C-alpha atoms as a PDB file:
ATOM      1  CA  MET A   1       2.685  13.534  -8.078  1.00  0.00           C
ATOM      2  CA  GLN A   2       5.825  13.080 -10.261  1.00  0.00           C
ATOM      3  CA  GLU A   3       7.797  11.580  -7.302  1.00  0.00           C
ATOM      4  CA  LEU A   4       5.116   9.059  -6.456  1.00  0.00           C
ATOM      5  CA  ALA A   5       4.769   8.069 -10.070  1.00  0.00           C
ATOM      6  CA  GLU A   6       8.419   7.406 -10.283  1.00  0.00           C
ATOM      7  CA  LYS A   7       8.455   5.375  -7.050  1.00  0.00           C
ATOM      8  CA  ILE A   8       5.636   3.119  -8.165  1.00  0.00           C
ATOM      9  CA  ALA A   9       6.811   2.930 -11.774  1.00  0.00           C
ATOM     10  CA  VAL A  10       3.839   4.427 -13.504  1.00  0.00           C
ATOM     11  CA  ASP A  11       3.642   7.070 -16.179  1.00  0.00           C
ATOM     12  CA  PRO A  12       3.408  10.475 -14.320  1.00  0.00           C
ATOM     13  CA  ALA A  13       1.030  11.877 -17.034  1.00  0.00           C
ATOM     14  CA  ASN A  14      -1.350   9.005 -16.462  1.00  0.00           C
ATOM     15  CA  LEU A  15      -1.215   9.402 -12.683  1.00  0.00           C
ATOM     16  CA  THR A  16      -1.810  13.088 -12.958  1.00  0.00           C
ATOM     17  CA  ALA A  17      -4.709  12.570 -15.498  1.00  0.00           C
ATOM     18  CA  THR A  18      -6.297  10.064 -13.170  1.00  0.00           C
ATOM     19  CA  VAL A  19      -6.095  12.453 -10.241  1.00  0.00           C
ATOM     20  CA  ASN A  20      -7.500  15.250 -12.257  1.00  0.00           C
ATOM     21  CA  ARG A  21     -10.294  13.047 -13.421  1.00  0.00           C
ATOM     22  CA  TYR A  22     -11.112  12.417  -9.833  1.00  0.00           C
ATOM     23  CA  ASN A  23     -10.867  16.091  -8.819  1.00  0.00           C
ATOM     24  CA  GLU A  24     -13.088  17.434 -11.510  1.00  0.00           C
ATOM     25  CA  PRO A  25     -16.376  15.997  -9.980  1.00  0.00           C
ATOM     26  CA  VAL A  26     -15.235  17.188  -6.566  1.00  0.00           C
ATOM     27  CA  VAL A  27     -15.468  20.701  -7.830  1.00  0.00           C
ATOM     28  CA  GLU A  28     -19.042  20.029  -9.138  1.00  0.00           C
ATOM     29  CA  GLY A  29     -19.934  17.992  -5.988  1.00  0.00           C
ATOM     30  CA  LYS A  30     -21.296  15.207  -8.108  1.00  0.00           C
ATOM     31  CA  ASP A  31     -19.395  12.043  -9.160  1.00  0.00           C
ATOM     32  CA  LEU A  32     -20.425  10.705 -12.575  1.00  0.00           C
ATOM     33  CA  ASN A  33     -17.306   8.461 -12.766  1.00  0.00           C
ATOM     34  CA  LEU A  34     -17.659   6.155  -9.798  1.00  0.00           C
ATOM     35  CA  TYR A  35     -21.110   7.364  -8.566  1.00  0.00           C
ATOM     36  CA  LYS A  36     -19.995   8.122  -5.079  1.00  0.00           C
ATOM     37  CA  ASP A  37     -22.503   9.676  -2.833  1.00  0.00           C
ATOM     38  CA  ASP A  38     -22.408  13.439  -3.146  1.00  0.00           C
ATOM     39  CA  HIS A  39     -21.551  14.061   0.443  1.00  0.00           C
ATOM     40  CA  PHE A  40     -18.249  12.312  -0.074  1.00  0.00           C
ATOM     41  CA  MET A  41     -17.338  14.641  -2.933  1.00  0.00           C
ATOM     42  CA  THR A  42     -15.684  17.449  -0.839  1.00  0.00           C
ATOM     43  CA  LEU A  43     -11.964  16.787  -0.613  1.00  0.00           C
ATOM     44  CA  PRO A  44      -9.818  17.102  -3.738  1.00  0.00           C
ATOM     45  CA  VAL A  45      -6.556  15.348  -4.012  1.00  0.00           C
ATOM     46  CA  LYS A  46      -4.146  18.336  -4.305  1.00  0.00           C
ATOM     47  CA  GLU A  47      -1.318  18.527  -1.818  1.00  0.00           C
ATOM     48  CA  GLY A  48       1.026  15.774  -0.753  1.00  0.00           C
ATOM     49  CA  PRO A  49       2.650  13.951   0.702  1.00  0.00           C
ATOM     50  CA  PHE A  50       1.149  11.193  -1.478  1.00  0.00           C
ATOM     51  CA  TYR A  51       1.329   7.517  -0.736  1.00  0.00           C
ATOM     52  CA  ALA A  52       0.694   4.320  -2.630  1.00  0.00           C
ATOM     53  CA  VAL A  53      -0.110   0.904  -1.354  1.00  0.00           C
ATOM     54  CA  ARG A  54      -0.040  -2.266  -3.339  1.00  0.00           C
ATOM     55  CA  ALA A  55      -3.163  -4.412  -2.645  1.00  0.00           C
ATOM     56  CA  ASN A  56      -3.775  -7.885  -3.888  1.00  0.00           C
ATOM     57  CA  SER A  57      -7.321  -9.186  -3.651  1.00  0.00           C
ATOM     58  CA  THR A  58      -7.493 -12.530  -1.898  1.00  0.00           C
ATOM     59  CA  THR A  59     -11.249 -12.983  -2.221  1.00  0.00           C
ATOM     60  CA  LEU A  60     -13.682 -11.956  -4.875  1.00  0.00           C
ATOM     61  CA  GLY A  61     -17.426 -11.641  -4.625  1.00  0.00           C
ATOM     62  CA  THR A  62     -20.392  -9.358  -4.669  1.00  0.00           C
ATOM     63  CA  VAL A  63     -22.687  -7.776  -2.158  1.00  0.00           C
ATOM     64  CA  GLY A  64     -26.136  -8.929  -2.710  1.00  0.00           C
ATOM     65  CA  GLY A  65     -25.383 -11.850  -4.978  1.00  0.00           C
ATOM     66  CA  ALA A  66     -28.041 -14.506  -5.409  1.00  0.00           C
ATOM     67  CA  LEU A  67     -29.031 -16.668  -2.599  1.00  0.00           C
ATOM     68  CA  VAL A  68     -27.772 -20.307  -3.068  1.00  0.00           C
ATOM     69  CA  ASN A  69     -27.599 -23.534  -1.063  1.00  0.00           C
ATOM     70  CA  GLU A  70     -24.655 -25.894  -0.657  1.00  0.00           C
ATOM     71  CA  HIS A  71     -25.342 -27.307  -4.172  1.00  0.00           C
ATOM     72  CA  PHE A  72     -25.376 -23.821  -5.722  1.00  0.00           C
ATOM     73  CA  GLU A  73     -29.084 -24.074  -6.469  1.00  0.00           C
ATOM     74  CA  ALA A  74     -30.665 -20.556  -6.584  1.00  0.00           C
ATOM     75  CA  LEU A  75     -33.077 -19.895  -3.772  1.00  0.00           C
ATOM     76  CA  ASN A  76     -36.133 -17.651  -3.767  1.00  0.00           C
ATOM     77  CA  VAL A  77     -36.866 -15.120  -1.065  1.00  0.00           C
ATOM     78  CA  LYS A  78     -38.444 -17.921   1.047  1.00  0.00           C
ATOM     79  CA  ARG A  79     -35.101 -19.699   0.671  1.00  0.00           C
ATOM     80  CA  GLN A  80     -36.717 -22.492  -1.354  1.00  0.00           C
ATOM     81  CA  VAL A  81     -34.855 -24.106  -4.376  1.00  0.00           C
ATOM     82  CA  ILE A  82     -35.808 -22.573  -7.760  1.00  0.00           C
ATOM     83  CA  ASP A  83     -35.751 -25.758  -9.897  1.00  0.00           C
ATOM     84  CA  GLY A  84     -33.182 -25.785 -12.653  1.00  0.00           C
ATOM     85  CA  ILE A  85     -31.539 -22.492 -11.708  1.00  0.00           C
ATOM     86  CA  TYR A  86     -27.922 -22.479 -10.503  1.00  0.00           C
ATOM     87  CA  ALA A  87     -25.621 -19.637  -9.494  1.00  0.00           C
ATOM     88  CA  VAL A  88     -21.790 -19.816  -9.030  1.00  0.00           C
ATOM     89  CA  GLY A  89     -18.891 -17.457  -8.686  1.00  0.00           C
ATOM     90  CA  ASN A  90     -19.603 -13.805  -8.256  1.00  0.00           C
ATOM     91  CA  ASP A  91     -23.302 -14.325  -8.993  1.00  0.00           C
ATOM     92  CA  ALA A  92     -23.588 -16.501  -5.793  1.00  0.00           C
ATOM     93  CA  SER A  93     -21.616 -14.535  -3.325  1.00  0.00           C
ATOM     94  CA  GLY A  94     -22.620 -12.498  -0.268  1.00  0.00           C
ATOM     95  CA  LEU A  95     -18.949 -11.562   0.662  1.00  0.00           C
ATOM     96  CA  TYR A  96     -16.879  -8.769  -0.690  1.00  0.00           C
ATOM     97  CA  ASP A  97     -13.294  -7.710  -0.551  1.00  0.00           C
END
């Protein structure tokens, strides 16, 4: 973990603490940090080699955001305009990154 921390220029103690925080719920089989489904909580991060990838988000949105039309008017479940209600940005998105 030390070597990876040095290569990506982060504090080794912080990286180790983050990995340990992830591993704790794996032992318990229940994730109360990120609320992953329990069946994913089986593999702790313990042995390398470890890799890091720099990722930059190019889109931002939500899954299940409000339905809107091309004028950003909110729509009900029948896809009819709800008068006076508008949604933009993350609140109006059905895409995710």
